[in-house]
């Protein structure tokens, strides 16, 4: 493996929590090399963490695969290997039938309540009437044994023999908004259906993420393919700019995440 300057890499990361995550990841790579391990599996990375990881990957000469590489998946893991590996040895998929009223936050809350670290659990998604929860081994087995609950009832979990990783499952609702400029506060105003003044307060209070990173700069310019998350309002992708109105305001196509 090519050597890397760990201190230099970490010095370029300002976010303390992300720095801890990357430090742990680099330690895992060093351990794999020093102890001549056949396989090293990372924890699940958030989109923001993975931005930093991708920069590191450019300077490595190890074999690796990105699991959940498709854009639909927000959380990804890396598997480094010397020769070969079997994915099912490291990843578990839980499945249960959808029930009335249950949402992503309920499932995640039930998992975290059992003391599981968030970095050990990946995507939680609903496809064709079933919920799927992806976990690093042996977390899936632990959750299966201890039962997840919703509204006092046990969820009827099963562990799939073969990991099911669908593609193009993400669903969106298409919308159009009209903004006076490409500033973040203009977008938040329209997406949250509120006033410019309240939009700025929402941004300044830390309730808005731009491309998965907290953004308190309401002057920040928005570009196509940017992802805006507004607490209690949802997540939105800026799909494309679609010309001007008669009053010279900008028409923007938006994709609102539904799952």
Protein backbone atom coordinates (compact mmCIF):
# COMPACT_ATOMS: atom_id res chain seq x y z
CA UNK A 1 0.00 0.00 0.00
CA UNK A 2 1.24 3.47 -0.79
CA UNK A 3 2.14 5.44 2.30
CA UNK A 4 -0.02 8.42 3.25
CA UNK A 5 0.42 11.35 5.59
CA UNK A 6 -2.28 10.75 8.18
CA UNK A 7 -1.63 14.00 10.04
CA UNK A 8 -1.85 16.03 6.84
CA UNK A 9 -5.12 14.36 5.84
CA UNK A 10 -6.69 15.00 9.24
CA UNK A 11 -5.43 18.59 9.40
CA UNK A 12 -7.51 19.35 6.29
CA UNK A 13 -10.74 18.31 8.04
CA UNK A 14 -12.38 20.93 10.24
CA UNK A 15 -15.40 18.98 11.40
CA UNK A 16 -14.37 17.15 14.60
CA UNK A 17 -16.79 14.23 14.19
CA UNK A 18 -15.77 13.65 10.59
CA UNK A 19 -12.12 13.85 11.63
CA UNK A 20 -12.74 11.07 14.17
CA UNK A 21 -14.43 8.94 11.51
CA UNK A 22 -11.62 9.39 9.00
CA UNK A 23 -9.00 8.75 11.68
CA UNK A 24 -10.66 5.42 12.51
CA UNK A 25 -10.86 4.56 8.80
CA UNK A 26 -7.15 5.29 8.26
CA UNK A 27 -6.26 3.22 11.32
CA UNK A 28 -8.15 0.31 9.77
CA UNK A 29 -6.16 0.60 6.54
CA UNK A 30 -2.87 0.70 8.45
CA UNK A 31 -3.90 -2.35 10.51
CA UNK A 32 -4.78 -4.28 7.37
CA UNK A 33 -1.34 -3.59 5.93
CA UNK A 34 0.70 -4.20 9.09
CA UNK A 35 -1.12 -7.39 10.06
CA UNK A 36 -1.50 -8.57 6.48
CA UNK A 37 -5.25 -9.00 6.83
CA UNK A 38 -7.08 -10.37 3.83
CA UNK A 39 -10.06 -8.02 4.18
CA UNK A 40 -10.85 -4.70 5.81
CA UNK A 41 -14.47 -3.49 5.94
CA UNK A 42 -15.21 0.12 6.82
CA UNK A 43 -18.17 1.39 8.77
CA UNK A 44 -21.00 3.07 6.87
CA UNK A 45 -20.07 6.56 5.70
CA UNK A 46 -22.48 9.47 5.47
CA UNK A 47 -22.43 11.43 2.18
CA UNK A 48 -20.31 14.16 3.76
CA UNK A 49 -17.83 11.68 5.22
CA UNK A 50 -17.60 9.90 1.90
CA UNK A 51 -16.49 13.13 0.18
CA UNK A 52 -13.32 13.00 2.26
CA UNK A 53 -12.92 9.26 1.78
CA UNK A 54 -13.00 9.61 -2.01
CA UNK A 55 -10.02 11.97 -1.88
CA UNK A 56 -8.07 9.36 0.08
CA UNK A 57 -8.99 6.57 -2.33
CA UNK A 58 -7.27 8.39 -5.19
CA UNK A 59 -3.91 7.82 -3.52
CA UNK A 60 -4.34 4.17 -2.55
CA UNK A 61 -3.22 1.15 -4.57
CA UNK A 62 -5.36 -1.42 -2.76
CA UNK A 63 -8.19 -3.43 -4.27
CA UNK A 64 -11.51 -2.16 -3.01
CA UNK A 65 -15.21 -2.14 -3.75
CA UNK A 66 -17.75 0.52 -2.88
CA UNK A 67 -20.90 -1.18 -1.64
CA UNK A 68 -24.15 0.73 -2.28
CA UNK A 69 -22.33 2.71 -4.96
CA UNK A 70 -25.54 3.83 -6.70
CA UNK A 71 -26.62 7.43 -6.20
CA UNK A 72 -29.88 6.32 -4.57
CA UNK A 73 -27.92 5.12 -1.53
CA UNK A 74 -26.72 7.79 0.87
CA UNK A 75 -24.67 5.54 3.16
CA UNK A 76 -21.85 3.49 1.72
CA UNK A 77 -19.22 1.05 2.93
CA UNK A 78 -15.84 0.13 1.50
CA UNK A 79 -14.39 -3.36 1.37
CA UNK A 80 -10.63 -3.61 0.85
CA UNK A 81 -9.28 -7.02 -0.10
CA UNK A 82 -6.11 -8.74 -1.24
CA UNK A 83 -7.64 -11.50 -3.31
CA UNK A 84 -11.40 -12.02 -2.98
CA UNK A 85 -14.24 -11.90 -0.47
CA UNK A 86 -17.89 -12.88 -0.05
CA UNK A 87 -20.16 -9.91 0.69
CA UNK A 88 -22.54 -11.99 2.82
CA UNK A 89 -19.69 -12.60 5.27
CA UNK A 90 -19.71 -8.90 6.20
CA UNK A 91 -23.16 -7.51 5.42
CA UNK A 92 -26.60 -8.50 6.69
CA UNK A 93 -30.00 -7.47 5.35
CA UNK A 94 -33.07 -7.45 7.58
CA UNK A 95 -36.55 -7.37 6.06
CA UNK A 96 -40.07 -6.97 7.39
CA UNK A 97 -43.48 -6.17 5.93
CA UNK A 98 -44.61 -2.57 5.98
CA UNK A 99 -47.15 -1.75 8.66
CA UNK A 100 -49.46 1.22 8.97
CA UNK A 101 -47.87 4.37 10.38
CA UNK A 102 -44.27 3.21 10.53
CA UNK A 103 -41.61 5.54 9.14
CA UNK A 104 -37.86 5.58 8.69
CA UNK A 105 -37.36 7.53 11.93
CA UNK A 106 -39.32 4.95 13.93
CA UNK A 107 -37.15 2.10 12.69
CA UNK A 108 -33.91 3.96 13.24
CA UNK A 109 -35.03 5.04 16.70
CA UNK A 110 -35.80 1.46 17.66
CA UNK A 111 -32.34 0.36 16.47
CA UNK A 112 -30.48 3.12 18.31
CA UNK A 113 -32.52 2.42 21.45
CA UNK A 114 -30.83 -0.99 21.57
CA UNK A 115 -27.44 0.72 21.81
CA UNK A 116 -26.34 0.21 18.21
CA UNK A 117 -23.93 2.78 16.80
CA UNK A 118 -25.32 4.60 13.77
CA UNK A 119 -22.17 3.88 11.77
CA UNK A 120 -22.96 0.15 11.87
CA UNK A 121 -26.31 0.60 10.09
CA UNK A 122 -26.73 1.72 6.51
CA UNK A 123 -29.77 2.49 4.43
CA UNK A 124 -33.26 1.88 5.77
CA UNK A 125 -35.56 1.75 2.78
CA UNK A 126 -39.00 0.65 1.68
CA UNK A 127 -39.43 -1.24 -1.57
CA UNK A 128 -42.62 -2.94 -2.80
CA UNK A 129 -44.30 -3.17 0.59
CA UNK A 130 -41.22 -4.28 2.55
CA UNK A 131 -38.70 -2.44 4.69
CA UNK A 132 -35.02 -3.34 4.33
CA UNK A 133 -32.34 -2.54 6.91
CA UNK A 134 -28.67 -2.99 6.00
CA UNK A 135 -26.19 -3.72 8.80
CA UNK A 136 -22.61 -4.79 9.25
CA UNK A 137 -22.30 -8.28 10.71
CA UNK A 138 -23.21 -9.27 13.38
CA UNK A 139 -25.50 -6.29 14.01
CA UNK A 140 -28.33 -7.74 11.92
CA UNK A 141 -28.23 -10.96 13.93
CA UNK A 142 -28.29 -8.97 17.17
CA UNK A 143 -31.32 -6.94 16.04
CA UNK A 144 -33.08 -10.11 14.91
CA UNK A 145 -32.49 -11.72 18.30
CA UNK A 146 -33.57 -8.68 20.32
CA UNK A 147 -36.56 -7.65 18.19
CA UNK A 148 -37.36 -4.19 16.92
CA UNK A 149 -40.58 -2.66 18.14
CA UNK A 150 -43.08 -0.14 16.85
CA UNK A 151 -46.02 1.09 18.96
CA UNK A 152 -45.49 -1.74 21.43
CA UNK A 153 -45.50 -4.55 18.89
CA UNK A 154 -42.57 -6.65 17.68
CA UNK A 155 -41.64 -6.27 14.04
CA UNK A 156 -41.54 -9.67 12.28
CA UNK A 157 -37.94 -9.54 11.11
CA UNK A 158 -36.18 -11.96 8.84
CA UNK A 159 -32.52 -12.10 7.83
CA UNK A 160 -32.16 -12.63 4.10
CA UNK A 161 -29.86 -15.42 2.98
CA UNK A 162 -28.70 -13.28 0.08
CA UNK A 163 -28.30 -9.55 0.43
CA UNK A 164 -30.91 -7.69 -1.62
CA UNK A 165 -29.57 -4.41 -2.99
CA UNK A 166 -32.14 -2.83 -5.34
CA UNK A 167 -31.41 -0.02 -7.77
CA UNK A 168 -33.46 3.02 -8.79
CA UNK A 169 -35.72 2.67 -5.78
CA UNK A 170 -35.70 6.31 -4.72
CA UNK A 171 -39.00 8.11 -5.32
CA UNK A 172 -39.45 11.81 -5.87
CA UNK A 173 -42.27 14.26 -6.30
CA UNK A 174 -41.61 16.75 -9.10
CA UNK A 175 -42.27 20.39 -8.28
CA UNK A 176 -41.60 23.78 -9.77
CA UNK A 177 -40.66 26.82 -7.73
CA UNK A 178 -40.02 30.42 -8.72
CA UNK A 179 -37.15 32.27 -7.05
CA UNK A 180 -35.88 35.83 -7.37
CA UNK A 181 -32.24 34.72 -7.14
CA UNK A 182 -30.11 31.63 -6.61
CA UNK A 183 -29.47 32.44 -2.93
CA UNK A 184 -30.11 29.73 -0.37
CA UNK A 185 -32.69 31.80 1.52
CA UNK A 186 -34.77 32.23 -1.63
CA UNK A 187 -34.92 28.47 -2.09
CA UNK A 188 -35.72 27.78 1.57
CA UNK A 189 -38.49 30.39 1.42
CA UNK A 190 -40.18 28.62 -1.49
CA UNK A 191 -39.52 25.04 -0.42
CA UNK A 192 -40.78 25.65 3.13
CA UNK A 193 -43.56 27.95 1.88
CA UNK A 194 -42.66 30.69 4.31
CA UNK A 195 -41.41 34.27 4.33
CA UNK A 196 -37.89 35.37 3.44
CA UNK A 197 -37.38 36.58 7.01
CA UNK A 198 -38.38 33.24 8.55
CA UNK A 199 -36.31 31.37 5.96
CA UNK A 200 -33.23 33.30 7.07
CA UNK A 201 -33.95 32.50 10.73
CA UNK A 202 -34.30 28.80 9.87
CA UNK A 203 -30.94 28.88 8.11
CA UNK A 204 -29.17 30.81 10.87
CA UNK A 205 -30.52 28.42 13.51
CA UNK A 206 -28.72 25.50 11.81
CA UNK A 207 -31.82 23.79 10.48
CA UNK A 208 -30.71 23.69 6.85
CA UNK A 209 -28.13 21.42 5.24
CA UNK A 210 -26.68 22.03 1.80
CA UNK A 211 -25.23 18.89 0.22
CA UNK A 212 -25.41 17.17 3.62
CA UNK A 213 -23.42 19.87 5.41
CA UNK A 214 -24.92 22.45 7.75
CA UNK A 215 -25.06 25.84 6.03
CA UNK A 216 -25.82 29.06 7.90
CA UNK A 217 -24.92 31.33 4.97
CA UNK A 218 -28.22 32.46 3.47
CA UNK A 219 -26.32 34.18 0.62
CA UNK A 220 -24.88 30.85 -0.50
CA UNK A 221 -25.37 30.29 -4.24
CA UNK A 222 -27.43 27.27 -5.24
CA UNK A 223 -26.48 25.18 -8.27
CA UNK A 224 -28.10 22.39 -10.25
CA UNK A 225 -27.92 18.99 -8.49
CA UNK A 226 -27.49 20.60 -5.08
CA UNK A 227 -29.38 18.85 -2.28
CA UNK A 228 -31.15 21.00 0.30
CA UNK A 229 -32.46 19.51 3.55
CA UNK A 230 -34.76 21.56 5.77
CA UNK A 231 -35.58 20.19 9.21
CA UNK A 232 -39.26 19.23 9.51
CA UNK A 233 -39.82 20.12 5.85
CA UNK A 234 -37.93 17.45 3.94
CA UNK A 235 -35.14 16.97 1.45
CA UNK A 236 -35.01 18.43 -2.04
CA UNK A 237 -32.80 18.07 -5.10
CA UNK A 238 -32.35 21.05 -7.42
CA UNK A 239 -32.96 19.25 -10.68
CA UNK A 240 -32.62 21.98 -13.30
CA UNK A 241 -33.18 25.64 -14.06
CA UNK A 242 -36.06 26.16 -16.46
CA UNK A 243 -35.92 29.70 -17.78
CA UNK A 244 -37.44 32.99 -16.65
CA UNK A 245 -40.93 34.26 -15.91
CA UNK A 246 -42.29 37.44 -17.46
CA UNK A 247 -41.10 39.26 -14.33
CA UNK A 248 -37.58 37.90 -14.82
CA UNK A 249 -37.73 35.46 -11.93
CA UNK A 250 -36.15 32.03 -12.20
CA UNK A 251 -38.18 28.85 -12.70
CA UNK A 252 -36.57 25.85 -11.03
CA UNK A 253 -37.44 22.17 -11.31
CA UNK A 254 -37.25 20.47 -7.91
CA UNK A 255 -37.35 16.82 -6.90
CA UNK A 256 -38.80 16.36 -3.41
CA UNK A 257 -37.64 13.12 -1.79
CA UNK A 258 -40.59 10.95 -0.83
CA UNK A 259 -38.53 7.94 0.36
